[in-house]
Amino acid sequence: MRYLTPTRTVAVAVAAALLAACGDTTININEQEPIVIERPGHDHDHDKVNPVGRLVLTAIDNPFVQILELPAKTELNTFMVSATPSDLYASGDYRYAAVVQRTQDLVNFIDGGLWQEDHVDHLHDYQEAPRFMPFQLTGVRPTHFQQAPGQLAVFFDGNAATGAPASVAVLTDADIGEDRTDYPKLTLTTHQHGAAQARGEFLVSTLRDVNSSTTLPSQVALYKRHGDHFHQEQVFAENCPNLHGSAQNHDFVAFGCSDGVLLIEQNGNTFTASKLANTADFTGSLRIGTLVGDKEAEHFIGLAGAQVFAIDAEDVKMEKLDWQPGAANAIWGYGFADGAEKFVLLDNTGQLTIFNYHGHAHAGQSAFTYAAKVAVSNADLSLLPAGARFQLAISAADDKVYITDPIRKELITVDVHDAEIKSRKQLNFTPHRITWLGIAEPADDHHDH
């Protein structure tokens, strides 16, 4: 394995840490000039700049982050960080990877090296070597990361033991790339296991009563940006007890509640709340605790344990989906894929379930129809390393998803349009987290198959 320093800007302290961590490892400095492609309008002619993106992976037991070039999955760079990453997320425009070290109260960022700039009358695509960025976040307990078009909302839970309150930071790719300190921040009144969704100049964030017996919030408020901070505009009257899970699409923000789903609709500068109650399918303590949305999808997906629900925010209704789980009793990965034409579920038996998504196109029919299952892994599940699970990364550029198998130490490429495995790569470490970076395919350019 090669450990490469960040390109162009290399802090002495970081270099020293790399040398200390790697012993006699050779440190190479990569000073490649970026490749540039000019494109008129939305004419995507990827001749030189990688059109399929790159993957970022971590190991379950080592503090390094590896960048792979797609489609061949060849190693580009590997960077050391302070601690084994607890999670990975893509930035708002998929250029940067947020490398979360939660218990260290630290988030580092790595430039994936692929990005696009809008020059009004044409588009520039750029490609260069990945690099470790000087920009970092040091808030208390970074926990929930919510991507929105061009933005990333980071929710810091705070710490009950120390009295540190929860807070939110909203970042653009420019904030990260230019090492800015004037990005907007929100400091809340108390700690909470909450969530926030960025909506341009607005922020929708959770609120927790300081006297509550639970760390989960129960209300949601609207904020508006004023320079480097936010002002509260309103607190929505609808309660959301034991709030957990949030997502957004073009018109709505959704939050999971113990008694249903709180829906916030945006119409210009006006935000209106409504409540979708749990249906008869919910019994006992079953509740939606995870929500998934996409800017191109009219529906949300809600996960309640291993049960899956389609949520129609416009018509305020939900429908239970039969994903044919078989022996699976947990869902470990999920998301809209292939330009929101598919929805995928990765379960704890190594099966990938694929749904076709139709939105409201088929009147009187379900918005999601079962399409296929792909047996990604047939490994002995009893050999799953402690703390490991199958992980999923979804390309925003094409119809591929990428899955890590920590038992066989494999990285698998799946074509969700054809519902078939395209390739497998053997890794020399036990994979932990994974995310995709690259130039997302514009919605109006989504290809025909």
Protein backbone atom coordinates (compact mmCIF):
# COMPACT_ATOMS: atom_id res chain seq x y z
CA MET A 1 0.00 0.00 0.00
CA ARG A 2 1.29 3.48 -0.90
CA TYR A 3 0.88 6.41 1.47
CA LEU A 4 0.93 9.65 -0.48
CA THR A 5 1.02 13.13 0.95
CA PRO A 6 -1.57 15.71 -0.06
CA THR A 7 -0.69 17.51 -3.28
CA ARG A 8 0.45 21.15 -3.41
CA THR A 9 -0.11 22.11 0.25
CA VAL A 10 1.64 19.89 2.77
CA ALA A 11 1.75 20.96 6.40
CA VAL A 12 4.92 20.01 8.27
CA ALA A 13 2.87 18.53 11.11
CA VAL A 14 0.90 16.30 8.75
CA ALA A 15 4.04 15.12 7.00
CA ALA A 16 5.65 14.33 10.33
CA ALA A 17 2.59 12.37 11.41
CA LEU A 18 2.66 10.37 8.21
CA LEU A 19 6.32 9.52 8.67
CA ALA A 20 5.78 8.52 12.27
CA ALA A 21 2.81 6.35 11.37
CA CYS A 22 4.43 4.67 8.40
CA GLY A 23 7.97 4.07 9.59
CA ASP A 24 10.18 3.76 6.54
CA THR A 25 7.34 4.25 4.07
CA THR A 26 8.36 6.36 1.08
CA ILE A 27 6.41 9.60 0.79
CA ASN A 28 5.68 10.65 -2.79
CA ILE A 29 4.47 14.11 -3.77
CA ASN A 30 2.16 14.30 -6.76
CA GLU A 31 2.12 17.72 -8.49
CA GLN A 32 -0.05 16.92 -11.51
CA GLU A 33 -1.69 19.79 -13.36
CA PRO A 34 -5.45 19.35 -13.78
CA ILE A 35 -6.95 18.06 -17.00
CA VAL A 36 -9.63 20.43 -18.29
CA ILE A 37 -12.54 19.75 -20.62
CA GLU A 38 -14.74 22.57 -21.89
CA ARG A 39 -18.36 21.74 -22.62
CA PRO A 40 -20.93 23.99 -24.26
CA GLY A 41 -24.26 23.83 -22.44
CA HIS A 42 -24.87 20.34 -21.04
CA ASP A 43 -23.04 18.47 -23.77
CA HIS A 44 -21.26 15.78 -21.77
CA ASP A 45 -18.41 14.45 -23.88
CA HIS A 46 -16.08 12.78 -21.39
CA ASP A 47 -12.89 12.27 -23.41
CA LYS A 48 -10.24 12.83 -20.77
CA VAL A 49 -11.90 13.63 -17.47
CA ASN A 50 -13.06 10.45 -15.74
CA PRO A 51 -16.83 10.21 -16.32
CA VAL A 52 -17.54 7.44 -13.79
CA GLY A 53 -15.91 8.89 -10.70
CA ARG A 54 -13.79 7.62 -7.84
CA LEU A 55 -14.37 5.68 -4.64
CA VAL A 56 -13.23 6.50 -1.13
CA LEU A 57 -12.77 3.60 1.30
CA THR A 58 -11.67 3.12 4.89
CA ALA A 59 -10.55 0.06 6.84
CA ILE A 60 -12.21 -1.24 9.96
CA ASP A 61 -9.03 -1.28 12.01
CA ASN A 62 -6.69 1.36 10.53
CA PRO A 63 -6.68 5.18 10.35
CA PHE A 64 -6.25 5.48 6.60
CA VAL A 65 -8.43 6.58 3.70
CA GLN A 66 -7.91 5.11 0.23
CA ILE A 67 -8.97 6.63 -3.10
CA LEU A 68 -9.67 4.31 -6.04
CA GLU A 69 -10.03 5.28 -9.71
CA LEU A 70 -13.09 3.89 -11.45
CA PRO A 71 -13.96 1.79 -13.33
CA ALA A 72 -10.75 -0.24 -12.86
CA LYS A 73 -10.65 0.41 -9.07
CA THR A 74 -6.92 1.17 -9.18
CA GLU A 75 -5.40 2.87 -6.15
CA LEU A 76 -4.66 6.56 -6.59
CA ASN A 77 -3.73 7.77 -3.10
CA THR A 78 -3.93 6.67 0.51
CA PHE A 79 -3.98 9.21 3.33
CA MET A 80 -3.48 8.81 7.06
CA VAL A 81 -5.90 10.48 9.49
CA SER A 82 -5.88 10.83 13.26
CA ALA A 83 -8.15 7.90 14.09
CA THR A 84 -10.06 5.11 12.39
CA PRO A 85 -12.89 6.94 10.57
CA SER A 86 -16.35 6.33 11.95
CA ASP A 87 -18.02 7.34 8.67
CA LEU A 88 -17.61 8.84 5.20
CA TYR A 89 -19.89 11.23 3.32
CA ALA A 90 -19.77 13.08 0.01
CA SER A 91 -19.99 16.87 -0.07
CA GLY A 92 -22.87 18.69 -1.72
CA ASP A 93 -21.36 18.56 -5.21
CA TYR A 94 -19.57 15.20 -4.71
CA ARG A 95 -16.09 16.70 -4.94
CA TYR A 96 -14.95 16.14 -1.35
CA ALA A 97 -15.17 13.26 1.11
CA ALA A 98 -15.96 14.14 4.72
CA VAL A 99 -13.88 11.80 6.87
CA VAL A 100 -15.65 11.60 10.22
CA GLN A 101 -13.80 10.78 13.44
CA ARG A 102 -16.75 11.25 15.75
CA THR A 103 -15.30 10.56 19.19
CA GLN A 104 -12.31 12.74 18.34
CA ASP A 105 -14.71 15.63 17.49
CA LEU A 106 -13.03 15.92 14.10
CA VAL A 107 -14.00 15.89 10.43
CA ASN A 108 -11.27 15.97 7.79
CA PHE A 109 -11.88 16.47 4.08
CA ILE A 110 -10.26 14.87 1.04
CA ASP A 111 -10.52 16.32 -2.46
CA GLY A 112 -11.50 13.52 -4.83
CA GLY A 113 -9.99 15.48 -7.72
CA LEU A 114 -13.03 15.54 -10.03
CA TRP A 115 -15.28 18.57 -10.35
CA GLN A 116 -17.24 20.78 -12.70
CA GLU A 117 -17.51 24.56 -12.91
CA ASP A 118 -20.31 26.51 -14.57
CA HIS A 119 -18.86 29.34 -16.66
CA VAL A 120 -22.32 30.61 -17.72
CA ASP A 121 -22.01 29.85 -21.45
CA HIS A 122 -20.16 26.58 -21.01
CA LEU A 123 -19.08 24.01 -18.41
CA HIS A 124 -15.55 23.09 -17.37
CA ASP A 125 -14.78 19.57 -16.14
CA TYR A 126 -11.57 19.20 -14.14
CA GLN A 127 -9.48 16.23 -13.06
CA GLU A 128 -6.43 16.09 -10.83
CA ALA A 129 -4.91 13.90 -8.15
CA PRO A 130 -6.76 13.53 -4.83
CA ARG A 131 -5.41 15.63 -1.98
CA PHE A 132 -5.87 16.11 1.74
CA MET A 133 -7.48 19.47 2.49
CA PRO A 134 -6.45 21.93 5.21
CA PHE A 135 -10.14 22.60 5.94
CA GLN A 136 -11.56 20.69 8.91
CA LEU A 137 -14.45 20.76 11.38
CA THR A 138 -13.91 20.42 15.12
CA GLY A 139 -17.43 20.57 16.57
CA VAL A 140 -18.53 18.24 19.37
CA ARG A 141 -19.70 14.80 18.20
CA PRO A 142 -20.30 15.21 14.44
CA THR A 143 -23.07 12.69 13.80
CA HIS A 144 -25.63 13.32 11.06
CA PHE A 145 -24.50 14.51 7.62
CA GLN A 146 -27.24 15.49 5.17
CA GLN A 147 -26.42 16.21 1.56
CA ALA A 148 -28.50 18.71 -0.42
CA PRO A 149 -27.89 20.12 -3.92
CA GLY A 150 -24.63 22.04 -3.53
CA GLN A 151 -24.69 21.89 0.28
CA LEU A 152 -23.78 19.61 3.17
CA ALA A 153 -25.44 20.07 6.57
CA VAL A 154 -23.40 18.68 9.47
CA PHE A 155 -25.20 18.14 12.78
CA PHE A 156 -23.05 17.99 15.91
CA ASP A 157 -24.86 16.27 18.78
CA GLY A 158 -22.96 18.06 21.54
CA ASN A 159 -22.16 16.27 24.79
CA ALA A 160 -24.44 15.81 27.78
CA ALA A 161 -21.53 15.06 30.13
CA THR A 162 -19.65 18.28 29.37
CA GLY A 163 -22.68 20.45 28.69
CA ALA A 164 -21.60 21.19 25.12
CA PRO A 165 -24.69 22.12 23.08
CA ALA A 166 -25.61 20.73 19.69
CA SER A 167 -24.72 22.79 16.63
CA VAL A 168 -24.98 22.80 12.84
CA ALA A 169 -22.56 23.78 10.08
CA VAL A 170 -23.66 24.20 6.46
CA LEU A 171 -20.91 23.84 3.86
CA THR A 172 -20.55 24.31 0.12
CA ASP A 173 -17.73 22.78 -1.89
CA ALA A 174 -16.27 26.29 -2.21
CA ASP A 175 -16.15 26.61 1.60
CA ILE A 176 -14.11 23.42 1.80
CA GLY A 177 -11.87 24.15 -1.17
CA GLU A 178 -11.06 27.72 -0.11
CA ASP A 179 -10.61 26.85 3.59
CA ARG A 180 -13.23 29.40 4.60
CA THR A 181 -14.25 30.18 8.16
CA ASP A 182 -17.31 32.31 7.35
CA TYR A 183 -19.63 29.41 6.44
CA PRO A 184 -22.97 29.64 8.32
CA LYS A 185 -23.26 27.99 11.73
CA LEU A 186 -26.06 27.45 14.21
CA THR A 187 -25.57 26.84 17.94
CA LEU A 188 -28.55 25.30 19.74
CA THR A 189 -29.47 25.57 23.41
CA THR A 190 -28.69 22.02 24.53
CA HIS A 191 -27.27 18.70 23.40
CA GLN A 192 -29.45 16.44 21.24
CA HIS A 193 -29.26 13.55 18.80
CA GLY A 194 -30.78 15.66 16.07
CA ALA A 195 -30.71 16.44 12.37
CA ALA A 196 -30.74 19.39 9.99
CA GLN A 197 -31.53 19.92 6.32
CA ALA A 198 -30.08 22.79 4.27
CA ARG A 199 -32.39 24.48 1.75
CA GLY A 200 -30.32 27.21 0.09
CA GLU A 201 -30.41 30.23 2.43
CA PHE A 202 -32.77 28.34 4.78
CA LEU A 203 -32.06 25.65 7.34
CA VAL A 204 -34.60 23.27 8.87
CA SER A 205 -33.27 21.91 12.16
CA THR A 206 -34.48 19.94 15.15
CA LEU A 207 -35.14 21.37 18.62
CA ARG A 208 -34.98 19.58 21.98
CA ASP A 209 -36.46 20.74 25.26
CA VAL A 210 -33.61 21.18 27.73
CA ASN A 211 -35.70 19.35 30.37
CA SER A 212 -36.49 16.35 28.17
CA SER A 213 -35.65 12.90 29.54
CA THR A 214 -34.47 11.70 26.11
CA THR A 215 -31.66 12.91 23.88
CA LEU A 216 -34.04 12.85 20.90
CA PRO A 217 -35.66 16.13 19.87
CA SER A 218 -39.41 16.65 19.51
CA GLN A 219 -39.76 19.82 17.44
CA VAL A 220 -38.48 21.39 14.24
CA ALA A 221 -37.65 25.03 13.51
CA LEU A 222 -36.91 27.09 10.42
CA TYR A 223 -33.83 29.31 10.23
CA LYS A 224 -32.57 31.80 7.65
CA ARG A 225 -28.96 32.60 6.94
CA HIS A 226 -27.53 35.97 7.93
CA GLY A 227 -23.85 35.99 6.99
CA ASP A 228 -21.99 33.41 9.07
CA HIS A 229 -24.97 32.47 11.27
CA PHE A 230 -28.69 31.72 11.20
CA HIS A 231 -31.71 33.53 12.66
CA GLN A 232 -34.74 31.55 13.77
CA GLU A 233 -37.78 32.32 11.60
CA GLN A 234 -40.40 30.02 13.13
CA VAL A 235 -40.97 26.92 15.24
CA PHE A 236 -43.46 24.55 13.64
CA ALA A 237 -46.46 23.79 15.86
CA GLU A 238 -46.63 20.10 14.91
CA ASN A 239 -44.77 17.93 17.39
CA CYS A 240 -42.51 15.07 16.35
CA PRO A 241 -41.92 12.90 19.43
CA ASN A 242 -38.63 10.99 19.59
CA LEU A 243 -37.56 12.47 16.27
CA HIS A 244 -34.98 10.44 14.37
CA GLY A 245 -34.17 10.42 10.68
CA SER A 246 -34.62 13.12 8.06
CA ALA A 247 -34.46 13.59 4.30
CA GLN A 248 -35.49 16.04 1.61
CA ASN A 249 -36.58 16.20 -2.01
CA HIS A 250 -37.36 19.12 -4.30
CA ASP A 251 -40.40 20.37 -2.38
CA PHE A 252 -40.40 18.70 1.04
CA VAL A 253 -38.32 17.97 4.12
CA ALA A 254 -39.35 14.90 6.13
CA PHE A 255 -38.58 13.88 9.72
CA GLY A 256 -39.25 10.51 11.34
CA CYS A 257 -41.37 10.59 14.51
CA SER A 258 -42.51 7.81 16.84
CA ASP A 259 -46.10 8.47 15.72
CA GLY A 260 -45.55 9.14 12.02
CA VAL A 261 -43.68 11.46 9.67
CA LEU A 262 -43.47 15.25 9.93
CA LEU A 263 -43.59 16.85 6.48
CA ILE A 264 -42.36 20.41 5.83
CA GLU A 265 -43.35 21.77 2.42
CA GLN A 266 -41.45 24.69 0.90
CA ASN A 267 -43.17 27.07 -1.51
CA GLY A 268 -40.73 29.90 -2.20
CA ASN A 269 -40.00 31.50 1.18
CA THR A 270 -43.01 29.87 2.84
CA PHE A 271 -42.68 26.63 4.82
CA THR A 272 -45.76 24.69 5.94
CA ALA A 273 -45.85 21.66 8.24
CA SER A 274 -48.21 18.68 8.20
CA LYS A 275 -48.22 15.28 9.88
CA LEU A 276 -48.56 11.86 8.27
CA ALA A 277 -49.67 9.43 10.98
CA ASN A 278 -48.48 5.85 11.25
CA THR A 279 -50.74 3.36 9.49
CA ALA A 280 -52.17 0.08 10.81
CA ASP A 281 -48.93 -1.59 9.68
CA PHE A 282 -47.20 -0.07 12.72
CA THR A 283 -47.60 -2.02 15.94
CA GLY A 284 -45.89 -1.81 19.30
CA SER A 285 -42.77 0.34 19.21
CA LEU A 286 -42.32 0.08 15.43
CA ARG A 287 -41.61 3.51 13.95
CA ILE A 288 -39.80 5.10 11.02
CA GLY A 289 -36.29 5.98 12.13
CA THR A 290 -34.60 6.41 8.75
CA LEU A 291 -35.77 8.46 5.77
CA VAL A 292 -34.35 8.60 2.26
CA GLY A 293 -35.05 11.23 -0.38
CA ASP A 294 -33.70 12.51 -3.67
CA LYS A 295 -34.15 15.81 -5.49
CA GLU A 296 -35.43 13.87 -8.52
CA ALA A 297 -37.91 11.72 -6.55
CA GLU A 298 -41.42 12.76 -5.53
CA HIS A 299 -41.57 10.09 -2.81
CA PHE A 300 -39.54 9.35 0.29
CA ILE A 301 -38.62 5.92 1.55
CA GLY A 302 -39.03 5.30 5.27
CA LEU A 303 -37.35 2.43 7.08
CA ALA A 304 -38.90 1.02 10.25
CA GLY A 305 -36.56 -1.72 11.37
CA ALA A 306 -36.51 -4.12 8.43
CA GLN A 307 -39.82 -2.86 7.05
CA VAL A 308 -39.93 -0.45 4.11
CA PHE A 309 -42.54 2.24 3.42
CA ALA A 310 -43.12 4.49 0.42
CA ILE A 311 -44.10 7.97 1.60
CA ASP A 312 -46.08 10.23 -0.70
CA ALA A 313 -45.59 13.70 0.77
CA GLU A 314 -47.79 15.40 -1.82
CA ASP A 315 -50.82 13.21 -1.14
CA VAL A 316 -49.87 12.66 2.53
CA LYS A 317 -50.02 8.88 2.55
CA MET A 318 -47.71 5.91 2.96
CA GLU A 319 -47.61 2.37 1.62
CA LYS A 320 -45.74 -0.67 2.89
CA LEU A 321 -43.48 -2.26 0.28
CA ASP A 322 -42.80 -5.99 0.05
CA TRP A 323 -39.07 -6.21 -0.54
CA GLN A 324 -39.07 -10.00 -0.15
CA PRO A 325 -36.45 -10.05 2.62
CA GLY A 326 -36.14 -13.81 2.93
CA ALA A 327 -33.66 -14.54 5.73
CA ALA A 328 -32.61 -10.89 6.05
CA ASN A 329 -33.60 -9.07 9.23
CA ALA A 330 -31.69 -5.79 8.82
CA ILE A 331 -31.11 -3.22 6.09
CA TRP A 332 -27.53 -1.94 5.98
CA GLY A 333 -27.51 0.22 2.85
CA TYR A 334 -30.11 2.08 0.82
CA GLY A 335 -30.69 4.91 -1.63
CA PHE A 336 -32.08 6.12 -4.91
CA ALA A 337 -29.87 5.12 -7.85
CA ASP A 338 -29.59 5.47 -11.62
CA GLY A 339 -30.92 9.02 -11.70
CA ALA A 340 -33.70 8.12 -9.21
CA GLU A 341 -35.09 5.54 -11.63
CA LYS A 342 -34.21 2.82 -9.09
CA PHE A 343 -34.23 2.37 -5.34
CA VAL A 344 -31.86 -0.17 -3.79
CA LEU A 345 -31.66 -1.95 -0.43
CA LEU A 346 -28.59 -3.83 0.81
CA ASP A 347 -29.44 -6.30 3.57
CA ASN A 348 -27.42 -8.15 6.19
CA THR A 349 -27.29 -11.36 4.13
CA GLY A 350 -25.43 -9.69 1.27
CA GLN A 351 -28.46 -9.38 -1.04
CA LEU A 352 -29.14 -6.24 -3.06
CA THR A 353 -32.85 -5.60 -3.70
CA ILE A 354 -33.72 -3.34 -6.64
CA PHE A 355 -37.00 -1.47 -7.09
CA ASN A 356 -38.09 0.43 -10.17
CA TYR A 357 -39.30 3.92 -9.26
CA HIS A 358 -42.13 5.50 -11.28
CA GLY A 359 -43.20 8.44 -9.13
CA HIS A 360 -46.73 9.51 -10.00
CA ALA A 361 -46.32 8.39 -13.62
CA HIS A 362 -48.57 5.32 -13.25
CA ALA A 363 -51.92 6.48 -11.86
CA GLY A 364 -53.43 4.06 -9.38
CA GLN A 365 -50.26 1.97 -9.16
CA SER A 366 -47.47 1.81 -6.61
CA ALA A 367 -44.66 4.28 -7.15
CA PHE A 368 -42.17 1.47 -6.46
CA THR A 369 -42.25 -1.96 -8.10
CA TYR A 370 -40.01 -4.87 -7.19
CA ALA A 371 -37.46 -5.48 -9.97
CA ALA A 372 -34.77 -7.95 -8.89
CA LYS A 373 -32.41 -9.30 -6.27
CA VAL A 374 -28.67 -9.63 -6.75
CA ALA A 375 -26.76 -12.07 -4.54
CA VAL A 376 -23.70 -9.92 -3.92
CA SER A 377 -22.13 -12.22 -1.34
CA ASN A 378 -22.51 -15.88 -0.46
CA ALA A 379 -19.91 -15.74 2.30
CA ASP A 380 -20.42 -17.44 5.65
CA LEU A 381 -22.11 -14.66 7.65
CA SER A 382 -20.80 -16.10 10.92
CA LEU A 383 -17.34 -14.93 9.81
CA LEU A 384 -18.36 -11.27 9.68
CA PRO A 385 -15.68 -9.33 11.62
CA ALA A 386 -16.80 -7.52 14.77
CA GLY A 387 -18.15 -4.08 13.93
CA ALA A 388 -18.21 -4.79 10.18
CA ARG A 389 -21.10 -4.94 7.74
CA PHE A 390 -21.73 -4.89 4.01
CA GLN A 391 -21.56 -1.27 2.83
CA LEU A 392 -23.05 0.50 -0.19
CA ALA A 393 -21.97 3.49 -2.30
CA ILE A 394 -24.18 4.80 -5.11
CA SER A 395 -22.82 6.53 -8.20
CA ALA A 396 -24.41 9.86 -9.09
CA ALA A 397 -23.00 9.59 -12.63
CA ASP A 398 -24.40 6.31 -13.96
CA ASP A 399 -26.27 3.10 -13.09
CA LYS A 400 -23.58 1.51 -10.90
CA VAL A 401 -23.47 0.87 -7.18
CA TYR A 402 -20.48 -0.39 -5.22
CA ILE A 403 -20.59 -2.81 -2.32
CA THR A 404 -17.91 -3.88 0.12
CA ASP A 405 -17.81 -7.41 1.51
CA PRO A 406 -15.74 -7.41 4.75
CA ILE A 407 -15.79 -11.20 4.98
CA ARG A 408 -14.13 -11.85 1.63
CA LYS A 409 -12.42 -8.42 1.58
CA GLU A 410 -13.97 -7.62 -1.78
CA LEU A 411 -15.25 -4.56 -3.61
CA ILE A 412 -18.12 -5.43 -5.96
CA THR A 413 -19.57 -3.38 -8.83
CA VAL A 414 -23.27 -3.91 -9.57
CA ASP A 415 -25.18 -2.55 -12.57
CA VAL A 416 -28.64 -1.81 -11.17
CA HIS A 417 -30.21 -1.33 -14.60
CA ASP A 418 -29.24 -4.83 -15.70
CA ALA A 419 -29.32 -6.22 -12.13
CA GLU A 420 -25.98 -7.97 -12.49
CA ILE A 421 -22.53 -8.00 -10.96
CA LYS A 422 -20.00 -6.40 -13.31
CA SER A 423 -16.74 -6.98 -11.44
CA ARG A 424 -15.08 -7.90 -8.16
CA LYS A 425 -11.84 -6.56 -6.73
CA GLN A 426 -9.85 -8.19 -3.96
CA LEU A 427 -8.75 -5.77 -1.23
CA ASN A 428 -5.75 -6.19 1.06
CA PHE A 429 -7.62 -4.81 4.08
CA THR A 430 -10.99 -5.29 5.75
CA PRO A 431 -13.23 -2.55 4.32
CA HIS A 432 -15.37 -0.42 6.60
CA ARG A 433 -16.89 2.73 5.03
CA ILE A 434 -17.28 3.73 1.38
CA THR A 435 -18.56 6.71 -0.61
CA TRP A 436 -18.60 7.83 -4.25
CA LEU A 437 -17.09 11.08 -5.55
CA GLY A 438 -17.16 12.55 -9.04
CA ILE A 439 -19.08 14.70 -11.50
CA ALA A 440 -22.77 13.95 -11.09
CA GLU A 441 -24.77 13.54 -14.25
CA PRO A 442 -27.15 16.50 -14.65
CA ALA A 443 -30.79 15.45 -14.38
CA ASP A 444 -31.70 16.78 -17.85
CA ASP A 445 -28.84 14.78 -19.33
CA HIS A 446 -29.82 11.44 -17.81
CA HIS A 447 -29.05 8.85 -20.43
CA ASP A 448 -31.38 6.39 -22.09
CA HIS A 449 -30.48 2.75 -21.64
